[in-house]
Amino acid sequence: MQNVDVTDRVWAHLLAIRAGKACACCGGPWSMGERGALDLYAPLARRDLGPAVVAQIGQSLDGRVATVAGDASDVSGPDGHAHLHRMRALMDGVVIGIGTALHDHPRLTVRLCAGQNPARVVIDPRGRLPDDAPVLRADGTRSIVIQAVKKPRADHVEVLQLPLVDGKFNPNAILQGLRQIGLNSLLIEGGGITIANFLDAEALGRLQVAVSPFIIGSGPIALTRNVQHAKLADCLRPDTRVFGLGTDVVFDCGLTNAAHAATIPLHSIA
């Protein structure tokens, strides 16, 4: 397991990578913790390998994301929360499902680190999201609603209208639509159903699972896929790296060849 130390110096370097002004193998010298930060975040910051889609979910040791009463406020520890904000700062857009938007009232902004807010995207097939939702506020950041109905939105809100297939959107059609409006690097932030849908559709390049060291005992499970296997030998086994973030442990799971390539320093690629 690599320990991660996100110093101001290494974070500034990661933002420079995102802007195309640096690479992960330059700069330094770096401490071991800073090197861990580069190994964890540089694959998200890089833009030289084309479009990238990463999902992140925080959970307890027993795989829960909330209590039976729905309390999910501290599933991730302080370092896990900071990690999520860093991921937002490195991506073009952050995507959530309508359930998360209605239940958690997220802002999807970058507050715990330096960096720009990503575009905010809500998957809302039937137009249930109210116009005064925090994620749709007019603050200069792009707000996008993906819907199947012709529900009008405020002037500052972009609408991406897509057809439903068997009552839901095709995740790959969502990605194609977002790329057409300039969002190539995407964070699928939640909830678990939305992440599982993208995973089942083989639309994710990378999955990060942040585990906080406590046991909830009962409540919603982090991920429940529709894909079922009778044998463990047939189950998905990602190319996984493990990082210590202080209060949380992050399992960084590469699901595609492109995700693996993103972990190789640029100057090491033939």
Protein backbone atom coordinates (compact mmCIF):
# COMPACT_ATOMS: atom_id res chain seq x y z
CA MET A 1 0.00 0.00 0.00
CA GLN A 2 1.31 3.45 -0.92
CA ASN A 3 0.75 6.27 1.55
CA VAL A 4 -0.38 9.57 0.06
CA ASP A 5 0.75 13.03 1.13
CA VAL A 6 -0.94 15.78 -0.90
CA THR A 7 1.31 18.76 -0.23
CA ASP A 8 0.61 22.16 -1.78
CA ARG A 9 3.59 21.63 -4.08
CA VAL A 10 2.48 18.27 -5.45
CA TRP A 11 -1.13 19.43 -5.82
CA ALA A 12 -0.01 22.44 -7.86
CA HIS A 13 1.92 20.01 -10.06
CA LEU A 14 -1.18 17.83 -10.50
CA LEU A 15 -3.24 20.85 -11.56
CA ALA A 16 -0.48 21.66 -14.06
CA ILE A 17 -0.76 18.10 -15.42
CA ARG A 18 -4.51 18.63 -15.81
CA ALA A 19 -3.81 21.85 -17.74
CA GLY A 20 -1.35 20.07 -20.03
CA LYS A 21 1.63 22.02 -18.67
CA ALA A 22 3.45 19.18 -16.85
CA CYS A 23 3.67 15.41 -16.63
CA ALA A 24 3.82 12.98 -13.73
CA CYS A 25 7.43 12.01 -14.33
CA CYS A 26 8.85 15.55 -14.17
CA GLY A 27 9.32 17.96 -11.30
CA GLY A 28 10.43 16.98 -7.85
CA PRO A 29 12.34 15.64 -6.16
CA TRP A 30 9.29 14.17 -4.43
CA SER A 31 8.92 12.56 -1.04
CA MET A 32 7.47 9.04 -0.89
CA GLY A 33 4.09 10.46 0.13
CA GLU A 34 4.14 12.99 -2.70
CA ARG A 35 5.08 10.19 -5.11
CA GLY A 36 2.03 8.30 -3.83
CA ALA A 37 -0.12 11.37 -4.53
CA LEU A 38 1.20 11.51 -8.10
CA ASP A 39 0.57 7.80 -8.61
CA LEU A 40 -3.01 8.13 -7.33
CA TYR A 41 -4.09 11.37 -9.00
CA ALA A 42 -1.98 11.73 -12.16
CA PRO A 43 -4.05 9.13 -14.08
CA LEU A 44 -7.08 11.34 -13.45
CA ALA A 45 -5.27 14.55 -14.36
CA ARG A 46 -3.78 13.33 -17.64
CA ARG A 47 -5.49 14.41 -20.86
CA ASP A 48 -3.06 12.88 -23.35
CA LEU A 49 -4.76 9.46 -23.46
CA GLY A 50 -8.20 10.66 -24.56
CA PRO A 51 -11.59 10.48 -22.78
CA ALA A 52 -11.64 8.94 -19.31
CA VAL A 53 -14.48 7.81 -17.04
CA VAL A 54 -13.88 7.05 -13.37
CA ALA A 55 -16.38 6.22 -10.64
CA GLN A 56 -15.85 6.73 -6.92
CA ILE A 57 -17.79 5.35 -3.98
CA GLY A 58 -17.16 5.59 -0.25
CA GLN A 59 -18.17 2.75 2.05
CA SER A 60 -17.68 1.17 5.46
CA LEU A 61 -15.67 -1.98 6.15
CA ASP A 62 -18.84 -4.04 5.73
CA GLY A 63 -19.67 -2.46 2.38
CA ARG A 64 -22.44 -0.09 3.52
CA VAL A 65 -22.94 3.45 2.24
CA ALA A 66 -25.50 4.62 4.82
CA THR A 67 -27.47 3.55 7.88
CA VAL A 68 -30.97 2.10 7.64
CA ALA A 69 -32.25 5.63 8.32
CA GLY A 70 -30.32 6.96 5.33
CA ASP A 71 -27.55 8.77 7.19
CA ALA A 72 -24.59 8.84 4.80
CA SER A 73 -22.96 12.10 5.91
CA ASP A 74 -19.78 10.60 7.38
CA VAL A 75 -19.34 7.34 5.47
CA SER A 76 -15.98 8.74 4.35
CA GLY A 77 -13.54 10.23 6.84
CA PRO A 78 -12.04 13.73 6.48
CA ASP A 79 -9.29 12.50 4.17
CA GLY A 80 -11.85 10.60 2.10
CA HIS A 81 -13.92 13.77 1.69
CA ALA A 82 -10.83 15.72 0.61
CA HIS A 83 -10.01 12.94 -1.85
CA LEU A 84 -13.42 13.27 -3.50
CA HIS A 85 -12.99 17.03 -3.89
CA ARG A 86 -9.57 16.50 -5.48
CA MET A 87 -11.15 14.07 -7.94
CA ARG A 88 -13.77 16.69 -8.82
CA ALA A 89 -11.08 19.30 -9.41
CA LEU A 90 -9.26 17.04 -11.87
CA MET A 91 -12.31 16.13 -14.00
CA ASP A 92 -14.31 17.99 -16.66
CA GLY A 93 -17.66 16.94 -15.22
CA VAL A 94 -19.19 15.07 -12.30
CA VAL A 95 -22.27 12.89 -12.82
CA ILE A 96 -24.92 11.83 -10.29
CA GLY A 97 -28.27 10.09 -10.51
CA ILE A 98 -31.59 11.68 -9.62
CA GLY A 99 -31.85 9.71 -6.36
CA THR A 100 -28.61 11.20 -5.07
CA ALA A 101 -29.62 14.68 -6.22
CA LEU A 102 -32.99 14.52 -4.42
CA HIS A 103 -31.82 12.77 -1.24
CA ASP A 104 -28.41 14.33 -0.56
CA HIS A 105 -28.90 17.83 -2.05
CA PRO A 106 -25.23 17.94 -3.19
CA ARG A 107 -23.47 21.05 -4.46
CA LEU A 108 -20.77 19.11 -6.37
CA THR A 109 -18.27 21.94 -5.91
CA VAL A 110 -14.55 21.94 -5.12
CA ARG A 111 -14.16 23.29 -1.59
CA LEU A 112 -11.48 21.20 0.16
CA CYS A 113 -8.65 21.87 -2.29
CA ALA A 114 -7.56 24.35 -4.92
CA GLY A 115 -9.10 23.90 -8.36
CA GLN A 116 -12.06 24.74 -10.54
CA ASN A 117 -15.55 23.35 -10.14
CA PRO A 118 -16.41 20.66 -12.70
CA ALA A 119 -19.56 20.79 -14.78
CA ARG A 120 -22.45 19.29 -12.79
CA VAL A 121 -24.51 16.61 -14.51
CA VAL A 122 -27.71 15.03 -13.17
CA ILE A 123 -29.28 11.96 -14.77
CA ASP A 124 -33.00 12.76 -14.42
CA PRO A 125 -35.02 10.67 -16.92
CA ARG A 126 -38.47 11.96 -15.95
CA GLY A 127 -37.64 15.54 -15.01
CA ARG A 128 -38.11 15.16 -11.25
CA LEU A 129 -35.32 17.52 -10.18
CA PRO A 130 -36.74 20.89 -9.02
CA ASP A 131 -35.28 24.03 -10.52
CA ASP A 132 -34.16 25.30 -7.10
CA ALA A 133 -31.98 22.24 -6.39
CA PRO A 134 -28.48 23.25 -5.17
CA VAL A 135 -26.88 21.41 -8.08
CA LEU A 136 -28.68 23.71 -10.55
CA ARG A 137 -27.84 27.05 -8.98
CA ALA A 138 -26.57 29.81 -11.26
CA ASP A 139 -22.99 30.37 -10.09
CA GLY A 140 -21.04 30.37 -13.34
CA THR A 141 -20.48 26.60 -13.37
CA ARG A 142 -22.13 24.52 -16.09
CA SER A 143 -25.23 22.64 -14.93
CA ILE A 144 -26.57 19.89 -17.19
CA VAL A 145 -29.68 17.74 -16.85
CA ILE A 146 -30.04 14.54 -18.86
CA GLN A 147 -33.72 13.83 -19.33
CA ALA A 148 -36.11 11.97 -21.61
CA VAL A 149 -39.01 14.39 -21.20
CA LYS A 150 -39.40 17.86 -22.68
CA LYS A 151 -39.36 19.69 -19.38
CA PRO A 152 -38.16 23.31 -19.70
CA ARG A 153 -35.28 24.41 -17.50
CA ALA A 154 -33.80 27.75 -16.44
CA ASP A 155 -31.79 29.56 -19.11
CA HIS A 156 -28.44 28.69 -17.49
CA VAL A 157 -29.24 24.96 -17.32
CA GLU A 158 -28.27 22.83 -20.31
CA VAL A 159 -30.59 19.96 -21.25
CA LEU A 160 -29.35 16.81 -22.91
CA GLN A 161 -32.40 14.89 -24.10
CA LEU A 162 -31.92 11.17 -24.71
CA PRO A 163 -34.32 8.28 -25.33
CA LEU A 164 -35.00 5.65 -22.70
CA VAL A 165 -34.24 2.00 -23.43
CA ASP A 166 -36.29 -0.39 -21.30
CA GLY A 167 -37.08 2.47 -18.94
CA LYS A 168 -33.55 3.80 -18.45
CA PHE A 169 -30.73 5.52 -20.26
CA ASN A 170 -27.90 3.65 -21.93
CA PRO A 171 -24.73 4.73 -20.02
CA ASN A 172 -22.66 4.71 -23.21
CA ALA A 173 -25.19 7.01 -24.89
CA ILE A 174 -24.85 9.37 -21.91
CA LEU A 175 -21.07 9.43 -22.32
CA GLN A 176 -21.35 10.05 -26.04
CA GLY A 177 -23.77 12.92 -25.48
CA LEU A 178 -21.55 14.54 -22.85
CA ARG A 179 -18.46 14.25 -25.04
CA GLN A 180 -20.32 16.03 -27.82
CA ILE A 181 -20.69 19.04 -25.51
CA GLY A 182 -17.05 19.04 -24.44
CA LEU A 183 -16.98 16.83 -21.33
CA ASN A 184 -14.39 14.13 -21.95
CA SER A 185 -13.07 13.43 -18.46
CA LEU A 186 -15.94 12.36 -16.20
CA LEU A 187 -16.40 11.38 -12.56
CA ILE A 188 -19.43 9.16 -11.88
CA GLU A 189 -19.95 10.11 -8.24
CA GLY A 190 -23.14 8.35 -7.30
CA GLY A 191 -25.11 6.83 -6.12
CA GLY A 192 -24.41 3.14 -6.06
CA ILE A 193 -27.15 2.28 -8.55
CA THR A 194 -25.83 4.79 -11.08
CA ILE A 195 -22.26 3.52 -10.67
CA ALA A 196 -23.41 -0.10 -11.00
CA ASN A 197 -25.27 0.76 -14.22
CA PHE A 198 -22.11 2.23 -15.75
CA LEU A 199 -20.09 -0.75 -14.53
CA ASP A 200 -22.56 -3.25 -16.01
CA ALA A 201 -22.46 -1.38 -19.32
CA GLU A 202 -18.64 -1.61 -19.34
CA ALA A 203 -18.61 2.18 -19.54
CA LEU A 204 -16.10 2.74 -16.72
CA GLY A 205 -12.37 2.88 -17.18
CA ARG A 206 -11.59 3.11 -13.49
CA LEU A 207 -13.41 2.48 -10.21
CA GLN A 208 -12.20 3.87 -6.89
CA VAL A 209 -13.58 2.43 -3.65
CA ALA A 210 -12.74 4.45 -0.54
CA VAL A 211 -13.11 2.35 2.61
CA SER A 212 -13.54 3.99 6.01
CA PRO A 213 -12.62 1.83 9.05
CA PHE A 214 -15.95 1.32 10.77
CA ILE A 215 -18.84 -1.15 10.64
CA ILE A 216 -22.41 0.05 10.10
CA GLY A 217 -24.04 -3.39 10.41
CA SER A 218 -27.08 -2.79 8.19
CA GLY A 219 -28.20 -0.38 5.52
CA PRO A 220 -27.73 0.09 1.78
CA ILE A 221 -24.93 -1.84 0.10
CA ALA A 222 -22.36 0.13 -1.90
CA LEU A 223 -22.65 -1.69 -5.24
CA THR A 224 -25.18 -4.24 -6.45
CA ARG A 225 -24.67 -5.30 -10.05
CA ASN A 226 -27.24 -6.92 -12.32
CA VAL A 227 -24.49 -9.18 -13.65
CA GLN A 228 -24.46 -12.46 -11.72
CA HIS A 229 -21.79 -15.17 -11.57
CA ALA A 230 -22.01 -18.62 -10.01
CA LYS A 231 -18.23 -19.03 -9.76
CA LEU A 232 -15.67 -16.69 -8.24
CA ALA A 233 -13.39 -17.54 -11.14
CA ASP A 234 -15.79 -15.72 -13.46
CA CYS A 235 -16.00 -12.53 -11.38
CA LEU A 236 -14.45 -9.22 -12.34
CA ARG A 237 -10.86 -8.90 -11.04
CA PRO A 238 -9.61 -5.37 -11.77
CA ASP A 239 -5.99 -4.30 -11.92
CA THR A 240 -5.95 -2.85 -8.38
CA ARG A 241 -3.63 -0.47 -6.56
CA VAL A 242 -4.06 0.44 -2.87
CA PHE A 243 -3.43 3.84 -1.31
CA GLY A 244 -3.50 5.00 2.32
CA LEU A 245 -5.14 8.39 2.81
CA GLY A 246 -5.02 8.63 6.58
CA THR A 247 -8.66 8.17 7.59
CA ASP A 248 -9.50 6.08 4.51
CA VAL A 249 -7.98 3.42 2.27
CA VAL A 250 -8.57 3.79 -1.47
CA PHE A 251 -8.71 0.80 -3.81
CA ASP A 252 -7.97 2.13 -7.29
CA CYS A 253 -9.28 -0.40 -9.80
CA GLY A 254 -8.29 -0.21 -13.46
CA LEU A 255 -10.96 -1.77 -15.69
CA THR A 256 -9.52 -1.15 -19.16
CA ASN A 257 -6.20 -1.15 -20.98
CA ALA A 258 -6.42 2.64 -21.21
CA ALA A 259 -6.78 2.87 -17.43
CA HIS A 260 -3.64 0.79 -17.02
CA ALA A 261 -1.79 2.91 -19.57
CA ALA A 262 -2.67 6.03 -17.57
CA THR A 263 -0.64 4.72 -14.62
CA ILE A 264 2.55 4.49 -16.72
CA PRO A 265 4.69 7.65 -16.62
CA LEU A 266 4.49 9.47 -19.94
CA HIS A 267 8.21 9.25 -20.68
CA SER A 268 8.14 5.48 -20.12
CA ILE A 269 5.69 4.90 -22.97
CA ALA A 270 7.38 3.72 -26.15
